[in-house]
Full PDB file with SEQRES, HELIX, SHEET, SSBOND, CRYST1, ORIGX, SCALE, CONECT and MASTER records, all heavy atoms in Angstrom:
SEQRES   1 A   33  GLU ASN PRO LEU SER LEU ILE GLU SER ALA SER PHE ASN          
SEQRES   2 A   33  GLU VAL GLN ASP TYR VAL ASN VAL THR ASP HIS VAL ARG          
SEQRES   3 A   33  SER TRP ILE TYR VAL VAL ILE                                  
HELIX    1 AA1 LEU A    4  SER A    9  1                                   6    
HELIX    2 AA2 PHE A   12  GLU A   14  5                                   3    
CRYST1    1.000    1.000    1.000  90.00  90.00  90.00 P 1           1          
ORIGX1      1.000000  0.000000  0.000000        0.00000                         
ORIGX2      0.000000  1.000000  0.000000        0.00000                         
ORIGX3      0.000000  0.000000  1.000000        0.00000                         
SCALE1      1.000000  0.000000  0.000000        0.00000                         
SCALE2      0.000000  1.000000  0.000000        0.00000                         
SCALE3      0.000000  0.000000  1.000000        0.00000                         
ATOM      1  N   GLU A   1      23.096  37.197 -37.156  1.00  0.00           N  
ATOM      2  CA  GLU A   1      21.985  36.164 -36.966  1.00  0.00           C  
ATOM      3  C   GLU A   1      22.476  34.793 -37.414  1.00  0.00           C  
ATOM      4  O   GLU A   1      23.095  34.660 -38.511  1.00  0.00           O  
ATOM      5  CB  GLU A   1      20.775  36.597 -37.733  1.00  0.00           C  
ATOM      6  CG  GLU A   1      20.950  37.046 -39.196  1.00  0.00           C  
ATOM      7  CD  GLU A   1      20.988  35.815 -40.138  1.00  0.00           C  
ATOM      8  OE1 GLU A   1      20.134  35.036 -40.157  1.00  0.00           O  
ATOM      9  OE2 GLU A   1      22.033  35.767 -40.868  1.00  0.00           O  
ATOM     10  N   ASN A   2      22.196  33.851 -36.525  1.00  0.00           N  
ATOM     11  CA  ASN A   2      22.670  32.451 -36.800  1.00  0.00           C  
ATOM     12  C   ASN A   2      22.026  31.485 -35.826  1.00  0.00           C  
ATOM     13  O   ASN A   2      21.335  31.955 -34.791  1.00  0.00           O  
ATOM     14  CB  ASN A   2      24.177  32.306 -36.490  1.00  0.00           C  
ATOM     15  CG  ASN A   2      24.970  32.430 -37.855  1.00  0.00           C  
ATOM     16  OD1 ASN A   2      24.725  31.654 -38.761  1.00  0.00           O  
ATOM     17  ND2 ASN A   2      25.876  33.329 -37.912  1.00  0.00           N  
ATOM     18  N   PRO A   3      21.996  30.172 -36.037  1.00  0.00           N  
ATOM     19  CA  PRO A   3      21.401  29.312 -35.061  1.00  0.00           C  
ATOM     20  C   PRO A   3      22.223  29.251 -33.764  1.00  0.00           C  
ATOM     21  O   PRO A   3      23.352  29.735 -33.760  1.00  0.00           O  
ATOM     22  CB  PRO A   3      21.513  27.896 -35.783  1.00  0.00           C  
ATOM     23  CG  PRO A   3      21.637  28.211 -37.219  1.00  0.00           C  
ATOM     24  CD  PRO A   3      22.438  29.505 -37.353  1.00  0.00           C  
ATOM     25  N   LEU A   4      21.631  28.870 -32.721  1.00  0.00           N  
ATOM     26  CA  LEU A   4      22.298  28.830 -31.413  1.00  0.00           C  
ATOM     27  C   LEU A   4      23.556  28.045 -31.427  1.00  0.00           C  
ATOM     28  O   LEU A   4      24.560  28.419 -30.687  1.00  0.00           O  
ATOM     29  CB  LEU A   4      21.393  28.223 -30.333  1.00  0.00           C  
ATOM     30  CG  LEU A   4      20.055  28.917 -30.086  1.00  0.00           C  
ATOM     31  CD1 LEU A   4      19.324  28.286 -28.884  1.00  0.00           C  
ATOM     32  CD2 LEU A   4      20.272  30.380 -29.683  1.00  0.00           C  
ATOM     33  N   SER A   5      23.650  26.973 -32.249  1.00  0.00           N  
ATOM     34  CA  SER A   5      24.849  26.128 -32.275  1.00  0.00           C  
ATOM     35  C   SER A   5      26.012  27.068 -32.686  1.00  0.00           C  
ATOM     36  O   SER A   5      27.160  26.839 -32.159  1.00  0.00           O  
ATOM     37  CB  SER A   5      24.704  24.983 -33.209  1.00  0.00           C  
ATOM     38  OG  SER A   5      24.231  25.385 -34.446  1.00  0.00           O  
ATOM     39  N   LEU A   6      25.856  27.897 -33.765  1.00  0.00           N  
ATOM     40  CA  LEU A   6      26.997  28.695 -34.206  1.00  0.00           C  
ATOM     41  C   LEU A   6      27.234  29.883 -33.273  1.00  0.00           C  
ATOM     42  O   LEU A   6      28.375  30.321 -33.167  1.00  0.00           O  
ATOM     43  CB  LEU A   6      26.631  29.184 -35.582  1.00  0.00           C  
ATOM     44  CG  LEU A   6      26.889  28.182 -36.730  1.00  0.00           C  
ATOM     45  CD1 LEU A   6      26.536  28.817 -38.107  1.00  0.00           C  
ATOM     46  CD2 LEU A   6      28.381  27.734 -36.753  1.00  0.00           C  
ATOM     47  N   ILE A   7      26.203  30.360 -32.691  1.00  0.00           N  
ATOM     48  CA  ILE A   7      26.338  31.476 -31.637  1.00  0.00           C  
ATOM     49  C   ILE A   7      27.282  30.962 -30.536  1.00  0.00           C  
ATOM     50  O   ILE A   7      28.159  31.676 -30.073  1.00  0.00           O  
ATOM     51  CB  ILE A   7      24.951  31.922 -31.106  1.00  0.00           C  
ATOM     52  CG1 ILE A   7      24.185  32.593 -32.253  1.00  0.00           C  
ATOM     53  CG2 ILE A   7      25.164  32.896 -29.924  1.00  0.00           C  
ATOM     54  CD1 ILE A   7      22.730  32.925 -31.888  1.00  0.00           C  
ATOM     55  N   GLU A   8      27.039  29.727 -30.086  1.00  0.00           N  
ATOM     56  CA  GLU A   8      27.873  29.136 -29.092  1.00  0.00           C  
ATOM     57  C   GLU A   8      29.296  28.825 -29.526  1.00  0.00           C  
ATOM     58  O   GLU A   8      30.256  29.275 -28.932  1.00  0.00           O  
ATOM     59  CB  GLU A   8      27.251  27.818 -28.534  1.00  0.00           C  
ATOM     60  CG  GLU A   8      28.106  27.198 -27.462  1.00  0.00           C  
ATOM     61  CD  GLU A   8      27.761  25.743 -27.133  1.00  0.00           C  
ATOM     62  OE1 GLU A   8      27.547  24.992 -28.096  1.00  0.00           O  
ATOM     63  OE2 GLU A   8      27.639  25.388 -25.934  1.00  0.00           O  
ATOM     64  N   SER A   9      29.448  28.144 -30.679  1.00  0.00           N  
ATOM     65  CA  SER A   9      30.732  27.691 -31.122  1.00  0.00           C  
ATOM     66  C   SER A   9      31.664  28.927 -31.541  1.00  0.00           C  
ATOM     67  O   SER A   9      32.848  28.866 -31.347  1.00  0.00           O  
ATOM     68  CB  SER A   9      30.628  26.735 -32.198  1.00  0.00           C  
ATOM     69  OG  SER A   9      30.020  27.338 -33.400  1.00  0.00           O  
ATOM     70  N   ALA A  10      31.014  30.051 -31.872  1.00  0.00           N  
ATOM     71  CA  ALA A  10      31.777  31.212 -32.319  1.00  0.00           C  
ATOM     72  C   ALA A  10      32.090  32.134 -31.176  1.00  0.00           C  
ATOM     73  O   ALA A  10      32.693  33.173 -31.288  1.00  0.00           O  
ATOM     74  CB  ALA A  10      31.128  31.983 -33.389  1.00  0.00           C  
ATOM     75  N   SER A  11      31.573  31.769 -29.890  1.00  0.00           N  
ATOM     76  CA  SER A  11      31.711  32.557 -28.689  1.00  0.00           C  
ATOM     77  C   SER A  11      31.250  33.953 -28.853  1.00  0.00           C  
ATOM     78  O   SER A  11      31.813  34.907 -28.278  1.00  0.00           O  
ATOM     79  CB  SER A  11      33.206  32.581 -28.312  1.00  0.00           C  
ATOM     80  OG  SER A  11      33.753  31.305 -28.152  1.00  0.00           O  
ATOM     81  N   PHE A  12      30.067  34.144 -29.497  1.00  0.00           N  
ATOM     82  CA  PHE A  12      29.494  35.456 -29.674  1.00  0.00           C  
ATOM     83  C   PHE A  12      29.032  35.983 -28.305  1.00  0.00           C  
ATOM     84  O   PHE A  12      28.767  37.194 -28.160  1.00  0.00           O  
ATOM     85  CB  PHE A  12      28.411  35.374 -30.682  1.00  0.00           C  
ATOM     86  CG  PHE A  12      28.827  35.233 -32.095  1.00  0.00           C  
ATOM     87  CD1 PHE A  12      28.023  34.575 -32.974  1.00  0.00           C  
ATOM     88  CD2 PHE A  12      29.972  35.850 -32.501  1.00  0.00           C  
ATOM     89  CE1 PHE A  12      28.427  34.434 -34.345  1.00  0.00           C  
ATOM     90  CE2 PHE A  12      30.360  35.740 -33.888  1.00  0.00           C  
ATOM     91  CZ  PHE A  12      29.616  35.023 -34.723  1.00  0.00           C  
ATOM     92  N   ASN A  13      28.883  35.150 -27.270  1.00  0.00           N  
ATOM     93  CA  ASN A  13      28.452  35.695 -25.979  1.00  0.00           C  
ATOM     94  C   ASN A  13      29.575  36.598 -25.369  1.00  0.00           C  
ATOM     95  O   ASN A  13      29.312  37.471 -24.538  1.00  0.00           O  
ATOM     96  CB  ASN A  13      28.459  34.528 -24.969  1.00  0.00           C  
ATOM     97  CG  ASN A  13      29.558  33.644 -24.883  1.00  0.00           C  
ATOM     98  OD1 ASN A  13      29.919  32.851 -25.810  1.00  0.00           O  
ATOM     99  ND2 ASN A  13      30.378  33.764 -23.774  1.00  0.00           N  
ATOM    100  N   GLU A  14      30.715  36.572 -25.995  1.00  0.00           N  
ATOM    101  CA  GLU A  14      31.841  37.498 -25.478  1.00  0.00           C  
ATOM    102  C   GLU A  14      31.658  38.839 -26.071  1.00  0.00           C  
ATOM    103  O   GLU A  14      32.228  39.870 -25.495  1.00  0.00           O  
ATOM    104  CB  GLU A  14      33.145  36.918 -25.853  1.00  0.00           C  
ATOM    105  CG  GLU A  14      33.554  35.603 -25.191  1.00  0.00           C  
ATOM    106  CD  GLU A  14      34.853  35.100 -25.643  1.00  0.00           C  
ATOM    107  OE1 GLU A  14      35.609  35.838 -26.305  1.00  0.00           O  
ATOM    108  OE2 GLU A  14      35.164  33.841 -25.421  1.00  0.00           O  
ATOM    109  N   VAL A  15      30.913  39.004 -27.141  1.00  0.00           N  
ATOM    110  CA  VAL A  15      30.752  40.331 -27.788  1.00  0.00           C  
ATOM    111  C   VAL A  15      29.289  40.729 -28.013  1.00  0.00           C  
ATOM    112  O   VAL A  15      29.028  41.802 -28.600  1.00  0.00           O  
ATOM    113  CB  VAL A  15      31.528  40.415 -29.132  1.00  0.00           C  
ATOM    114  CG1 VAL A  15      33.022  40.475 -28.930  1.00  0.00           C  
ATOM    115  CG2 VAL A  15      31.187  39.201 -30.006  1.00  0.00           C  
ATOM    116  N   GLN A  16      28.389  39.926 -27.577  1.00  0.00           N  
ATOM    117  CA  GLN A  16      26.935  40.199 -27.706  1.00  0.00           C  
ATOM    118  C   GLN A  16      26.218  39.883 -26.385  1.00  0.00           C  
ATOM    119  O   GLN A  16      26.483  38.871 -25.724  1.00  0.00           O  
ATOM    120  CB  GLN A  16      26.354  39.454 -28.859  1.00  0.00           C  
ATOM    121  CG  GLN A  16      26.858  39.671 -30.221  1.00  0.00           C  
ATOM    122  CD  GLN A  16      26.312  40.848 -30.976  1.00  0.00           C  
ATOM    123  OE1 GLN A  16      25.394  40.627 -31.833  1.00  0.00           O  
ATOM    124  NE2 GLN A  16      26.627  42.045 -30.608  1.00  0.00           N  
ATOM    125  N   ASP A  17      25.257  40.711 -26.059  1.00  0.00           N  
ATOM    126  CA  ASP A  17      24.574  40.582 -24.820  1.00  0.00           C  
ATOM    127  C   ASP A  17      23.191  39.851 -24.947  1.00  0.00           C  
ATOM    128  O   ASP A  17      22.811  39.163 -23.933  1.00  0.00           O  
ATOM    129  CB  ASP A  17      24.282  41.968 -24.162  1.00  0.00           C  
ATOM    130  CG  ASP A  17      25.582  42.766 -23.785  1.00  0.00           C  
ATOM    131  OD1 ASP A  17      26.513  42.024 -23.461  1.00  0.00           O  
ATOM    132  OD2 ASP A  17      25.499  43.948 -23.840  1.00  0.00           O  
ATOM    133  N   TYR A  18      22.533  40.007 -26.053  1.00  0.00           N  
ATOM    134  CA  TYR A  18      21.194  39.473 -26.212  1.00  0.00           C  
ATOM    135  C   TYR A  18      21.070  38.476 -27.347  1.00  0.00           C  
ATOM    136  O   TYR A  18      21.653  38.624 -28.454  1.00  0.00           O  
ATOM    137  CB  TYR A  18      20.210  40.607 -26.411  1.00  0.00           C  
ATOM    138  CG  TYR A  18      20.125  41.621 -25.346  1.00  0.00           C  
ATOM    139  CD1 TYR A  18      20.925  42.807 -25.358  1.00  0.00           C  
ATOM    140  CD2 TYR A  18      19.345  41.333 -24.172  1.00  0.00           C  
ATOM    141  CE1 TYR A  18      20.857  43.704 -24.304  1.00  0.00           C  
ATOM    142  CE2 TYR A  18      19.245  42.295 -23.137  1.00  0.00           C  
ATOM    143  CZ  TYR A  18      20.035  43.482 -23.183  1.00  0.00           C  
ATOM    144  OH  TYR A  18      19.925  44.342 -22.146  1.00  0.00           O  
ATOM    145  N   VAL A  19      20.247  37.348 -27.034  1.00  0.00           N  
ATOM    146  CA  VAL A  19      19.730  36.559 -28.135  1.00  0.00           C  
ATOM    147  C   VAL A  19      18.197  36.892 -28.276  1.00  0.00           C  
ATOM    148  O   VAL A  19      17.438  36.606 -27.401  1.00  0.00           O  
ATOM    149  CB  VAL A  19      19.859  35.035 -27.787  1.00  0.00           C  
ATOM    150  CG1 VAL A  19      19.269  34.191 -28.906  1.00  0.00           C  
ATOM    151  CG2 VAL A  19      21.360  34.675 -27.570  1.00  0.00           C  
ATOM    152  N   ASN A  20      17.869  37.511 -29.366  1.00  0.00           N  
ATOM    153  CA  ASN A  20      16.482  37.901 -29.662  1.00  0.00           C  
ATOM    154  C   ASN A  20      15.838  36.787 -30.466  1.00  0.00           C  
ATOM    155  O   ASN A  20      16.306  36.399 -31.542  1.00  0.00           O  
ATOM    156  CB  ASN A  20      16.472  39.203 -30.483  1.00  0.00           C  
ATOM    157  CG  ASN A  20      17.345  40.247 -29.759  1.00  0.00           C  
ATOM    158  OD1 ASN A  20      16.889  40.944 -28.822  1.00  0.00           O  
ATOM    159  ND2 ASN A  20      18.474  40.542 -30.314  1.00  0.00           N  
ATOM    160  N   VAL A  21      14.875  36.174 -29.863  1.00  0.00           N  
ATOM    161  CA  VAL A  21      14.346  34.875 -30.418  1.00  0.00           C  
ATOM    162  C   VAL A  21      13.329  35.234 -31.559  1.00  0.00           C  
ATOM    163  O   VAL A  21      12.113  35.175 -31.417  1.00  0.00           O  
ATOM    164  CB  VAL A  21      13.610  34.072 -29.294  1.00  0.00           C  
ATOM    165  CG1 VAL A  21      13.153  32.704 -29.778  1.00  0.00           C  
ATOM    166  CG2 VAL A  21      14.551  33.973 -28.083  1.00  0.00           C  
ATOM    167  N   THR A  22      14.027  35.566 -32.663  1.00  0.00           N  
ATOM    168  CA  THR A  22      13.255  35.916 -33.876  1.00  0.00           C  
ATOM    169  C   THR A  22      12.775  34.634 -34.670  1.00  0.00           C  
ATOM    170  O   THR A  22      11.776  34.728 -35.359  1.00  0.00           O  
ATOM    171  CB  THR A  22      14.156  36.701 -34.821  1.00  0.00           C  
ATOM    172  OG1 THR A  22      15.406  36.092 -34.921  1.00  0.00           O  
ATOM    173  CG2 THR A  22      14.373  38.075 -34.308  1.00  0.00           C  
ATOM    174  N   ASP A  23      13.529  33.540 -34.524  1.00  0.00           N  
ATOM    175  CA  ASP A  23      13.187  32.349 -35.307  1.00  0.00           C  
ATOM    176  C   ASP A  23      12.868  32.652 -36.727  1.00  0.00           C  
ATOM    177  O   ASP A  23      11.968  32.005 -37.333  1.00  0.00           O  
ATOM    178  CB  ASP A  23      11.986  31.591 -34.669  1.00  0.00           C  
ATOM    179  CG  ASP A  23      12.154  30.978 -33.308  1.00  0.00           C  
ATOM    180  OD1 ASP A  23      13.375  30.917 -32.894  1.00  0.00           O  
ATOM    181  OD2 ASP A  23      11.164  30.511 -32.631  1.00  0.00           O  
ATOM    182  N   HIS A  24      13.602  33.520 -37.366  1.00  0.00           N  
ATOM    183  CA  HIS A  24      13.293  34.053 -38.641  1.00  0.00           C  
ATOM    184  C   HIS A  24      13.506  33.094 -39.734  1.00  0.00           C  
ATOM    185  O   HIS A  24      12.836  33.219 -40.869  1.00  0.00           O  
ATOM    186  CB  HIS A  24      14.046  35.399 -38.885  1.00  0.00           C  
ATOM    187  CG  HIS A  24      15.481  35.330 -38.738  1.00  0.00           C  
ATOM    188  ND1 HIS A  24      16.113  35.455 -37.514  1.00  0.00           N  
ATOM    189  CD2 HIS A  24      16.515  35.135 -39.679  1.00  0.00           C  
ATOM    190  CE1 HIS A  24      17.409  35.423 -37.719  1.00  0.00           C  
ATOM    191  NE2 HIS A  24      17.658  35.206 -38.956  1.00  0.00           N  
ATOM    192  N   VAL A  25      14.363  32.157 -39.625  1.00  0.00           N  
ATOM    193  CA  VAL A  25      14.514  31.038 -40.600  1.00  0.00           C  
ATOM    194  C   VAL A  25      14.440  29.754 -39.885  1.00  0.00           C  
ATOM    195  O   VAL A  25      15.288  29.371 -39.079  1.00  0.00           O  
ATOM    196  CB  VAL A  25      15.784  31.113 -41.466  1.00  0.00           C  
ATOM    197  CG1 VAL A  25      15.911  29.934 -42.423  1.00  0.00           C  
ATOM    198  CG2 VAL A  25      15.816  32.433 -42.223  1.00  0.00           C  
ATOM    199  N   ARG A  26      13.329  29.027 -40.174  1.00  0.00           N  
ATOM    200  CA  ARG A  26      13.244  27.579 -39.775  1.00  0.00           C  
ATOM    201  C   ARG A  26      13.459  26.771 -40.954  1.00  0.00           C  
ATOM    202  O   ARG A  26      12.819  26.987 -42.014  1.00  0.00           O  
ATOM    203  CB  ARG A  26      11.863  27.301 -39.132  1.00  0.00           C  
ATOM    204  CG  ARG A  26      11.635  27.931 -37.821  1.00  0.00           C  
ATOM    205  CD  ARG A  26      10.329  27.568 -37.275  1.00  0.00           C  
ATOM    206  NE  ARG A  26      10.119  28.040 -35.841  1.00  0.00           N  
ATOM    207  CZ  ARG A  26      10.515  27.480 -34.772  1.00  0.00           C  
ATOM    208  NH1 ARG A  26      11.048  26.214 -34.865  1.00  0.00           N  
ATOM    209  NH2 ARG A  26      10.287  27.984 -33.604  1.00  0.00           N  
ATOM    210  N   SER A  27      14.352  25.778 -40.853  1.00  0.00           N  
ATOM    211  CA  SER A  27      14.650  25.007 -42.066  1.00  0.00           C  
ATOM    212  C   SER A  27      14.951  23.595 -41.736  1.00  0.00           C  
ATOM    213  O   SER A  27      15.037  23.180 -40.545  1.00  0.00           O  
ATOM    214  CB  SER A  27      15.830  25.722 -42.817  1.00  0.00           C  
ATOM    215  OG  SER A  27      16.972  25.737 -42.011  1.00  0.00           O  
ATOM    216  N   TRP A  28      15.177  22.799 -42.720  1.00  0.00           N  
ATOM    217  CA  TRP A  28      15.587  21.416 -42.505  1.00  0.00           C  
ATOM    218  C   TRP A  28      16.655  21.037 -43.553  1.00  0.00           C  
ATOM    219  O   TRP A  28      16.976  21.800 -44.430  1.00  0.00           O  
ATOM    220  CB  TRP A  28      14.320  20.526 -42.710  1.00  0.00           C  
ATOM    221  CG  TRP A  28      13.800  20.251 -44.038  1.00  0.00           C  
ATOM    222  CD1 TRP A  28      14.008  19.224 -44.824  1.00  0.00           C  
ATOM    223  CD2 TRP A  28      12.902  21.118 -44.715  1.00  0.00           C  
ATOM    224  NE1 TRP A  28      13.295  19.289 -46.022  1.00  0.00           N  
ATOM    225  CE2 TRP A  28      12.597  20.479 -46.035  1.00  0.00           C  
ATOM    226  CE3 TRP A  28      12.275  22.260 -44.513  1.00  0.00           C  
ATOM    227  CZ2 TRP A  28      11.778  21.031 -46.946  1.00  0.00           C  
ATOM    228  CZ3 TRP A  28      11.445  22.922 -45.444  1.00  0.00           C  
ATOM    229  CH2 TRP A  28      11.214  22.274 -46.650  1.00  0.00           C  
ATOM    230  N   ILE A  29      17.152  19.861 -43.418  1.00  0.00           N  
ATOM    231  CA  ILE A  29      18.235  19.417 -44.227  1.00  0.00           C  
ATOM    232  C   ILE A  29      17.906  17.979 -44.546  1.00  0.00           C  
ATOM    233  O   ILE A  29      17.369  17.229 -43.717  1.00  0.00           O  
ATOM    234  CB  ILE A  29      19.644  19.600 -43.577  1.00  0.00           C  
ATOM    235  CG1 ILE A  29      20.770  19.698 -44.654  1.00  0.00           C  
ATOM    236  CG2 ILE A  29      19.856  18.558 -42.436  1.00  0.00           C  
ATOM    237  CD1 ILE A  29      21.951  20.311 -44.116  1.00  0.00           C  
ATOM    238  N   TYR A  30      18.393  17.417 -45.758  1.00  0.00           N  
ATOM    239  CA  TYR A  30      18.142  16.080 -46.147  1.00  0.00           C  
ATOM    240  C   TYR A  30      19.408  15.229 -46.001  1.00  0.00           C  
ATOM    241  O   TYR A  30      20.473  15.702 -46.324  1.00  0.00           O  
ATOM    242  CB  TYR A  30      17.633  15.994 -47.585  1.00  0.00           C  
ATOM    243  CG  TYR A  30      16.195  16.381 -47.740  1.00  0.00           C  
ATOM    244  CD1 TYR A  30      15.862  17.436 -48.603  1.00  0.00           C  
ATOM    245  CD2 TYR A  30      15.147  15.645 -47.249  1.00  0.00           C  
ATOM    246  CE1 TYR A  30      14.483  17.800 -48.850  1.00  0.00           C  
ATOM    247  CE2 TYR A  30      13.804  15.950 -47.382  1.00  0.00           C  
ATOM    248  CZ  TYR A  30      13.504  17.099 -48.207  1.00  0.00           C  
ATOM    249  OH  TYR A  30      12.207  17.417 -48.489  1.00  0.00           O  
ATOM    250  N   VAL A  31      19.215  13.929 -45.667  1.00  0.00           N  
ATOM    251  CA  VAL A  31      20.273  13.017 -46.001  1.00  0.00           C  
ATOM    252  C   VAL A  31      19.821  12.370 -47.351  1.00  0.00           C  
ATOM    253  O   VAL A  31      18.789  11.889 -47.494  1.00  0.00           O  
ATOM    254  CB  VAL A  31      20.301  11.832 -44.956  1.00  0.00           C  
ATOM    255  CG1 VAL A  31      21.342  10.797 -45.311  1.00  0.00           C  
ATOM    256  CG2 VAL A  31      20.589  12.475 -43.577  1.00  0.00           C  
ATOM    257  N   VAL A  32      20.753  12.433 -48.310  1.00  0.00           N  
ATOM    258  CA  VAL A  32      20.446  11.937 -49.675  1.00  0.00           C  
ATOM    259  C   VAL A  32      21.461  10.811 -50.067  1.00  0.00           C  
ATOM    260  O   VAL A  32      22.603  10.823 -49.541  1.00  0.00           O  
ATOM    261  CB  VAL A  32      20.531  13.111 -50.753  1.00  0.00           C  
ATOM    262  CG1 VAL A  32      19.492  14.217 -50.380  1.00  0.00           C  
ATOM    263  CG2 VAL A  32      21.960  13.719 -50.763  1.00  0.00           C  
ATOM    264  N   ILE A  33      20.933   9.943 -50.929  1.00  0.00           N  
ATOM    265  CA  ILE A  33      21.738   8.899 -51.551  1.00  0.00           C  
ATOM    266  C   ILE A  33      21.675   9.026 -53.039  1.00  0.00           C  
ATOM    267  O   ILE A  33      20.628   9.392 -53.528  1.00  0.00           O  
ATOM    268  CB  ILE A  33      21.406   7.508 -51.020  1.00  0.00           C  
ATOM    269  CG1 ILE A  33      22.342   6.507 -51.510  1.00  0.00           C  
ATOM    270  CG2 ILE A  33      19.943   7.165 -51.397  1.00  0.00           C  
ATOM    271  CD1 ILE A  33      22.105   5.077 -50.816  1.00  0.00           C  
TER     272      ILE A  33                                                      
MASTER        0    0    0    2    0    0    0    6  271    1    0    3          
END                                                                             
């Protein structure tokens, strides 16, 4: 389980058939100073 960006960059399409849209972790990130 990972975001689509990592699924693509890791080429998991070569070894996995399905993306099950669980959306199990929705999160955000901060830019901090």
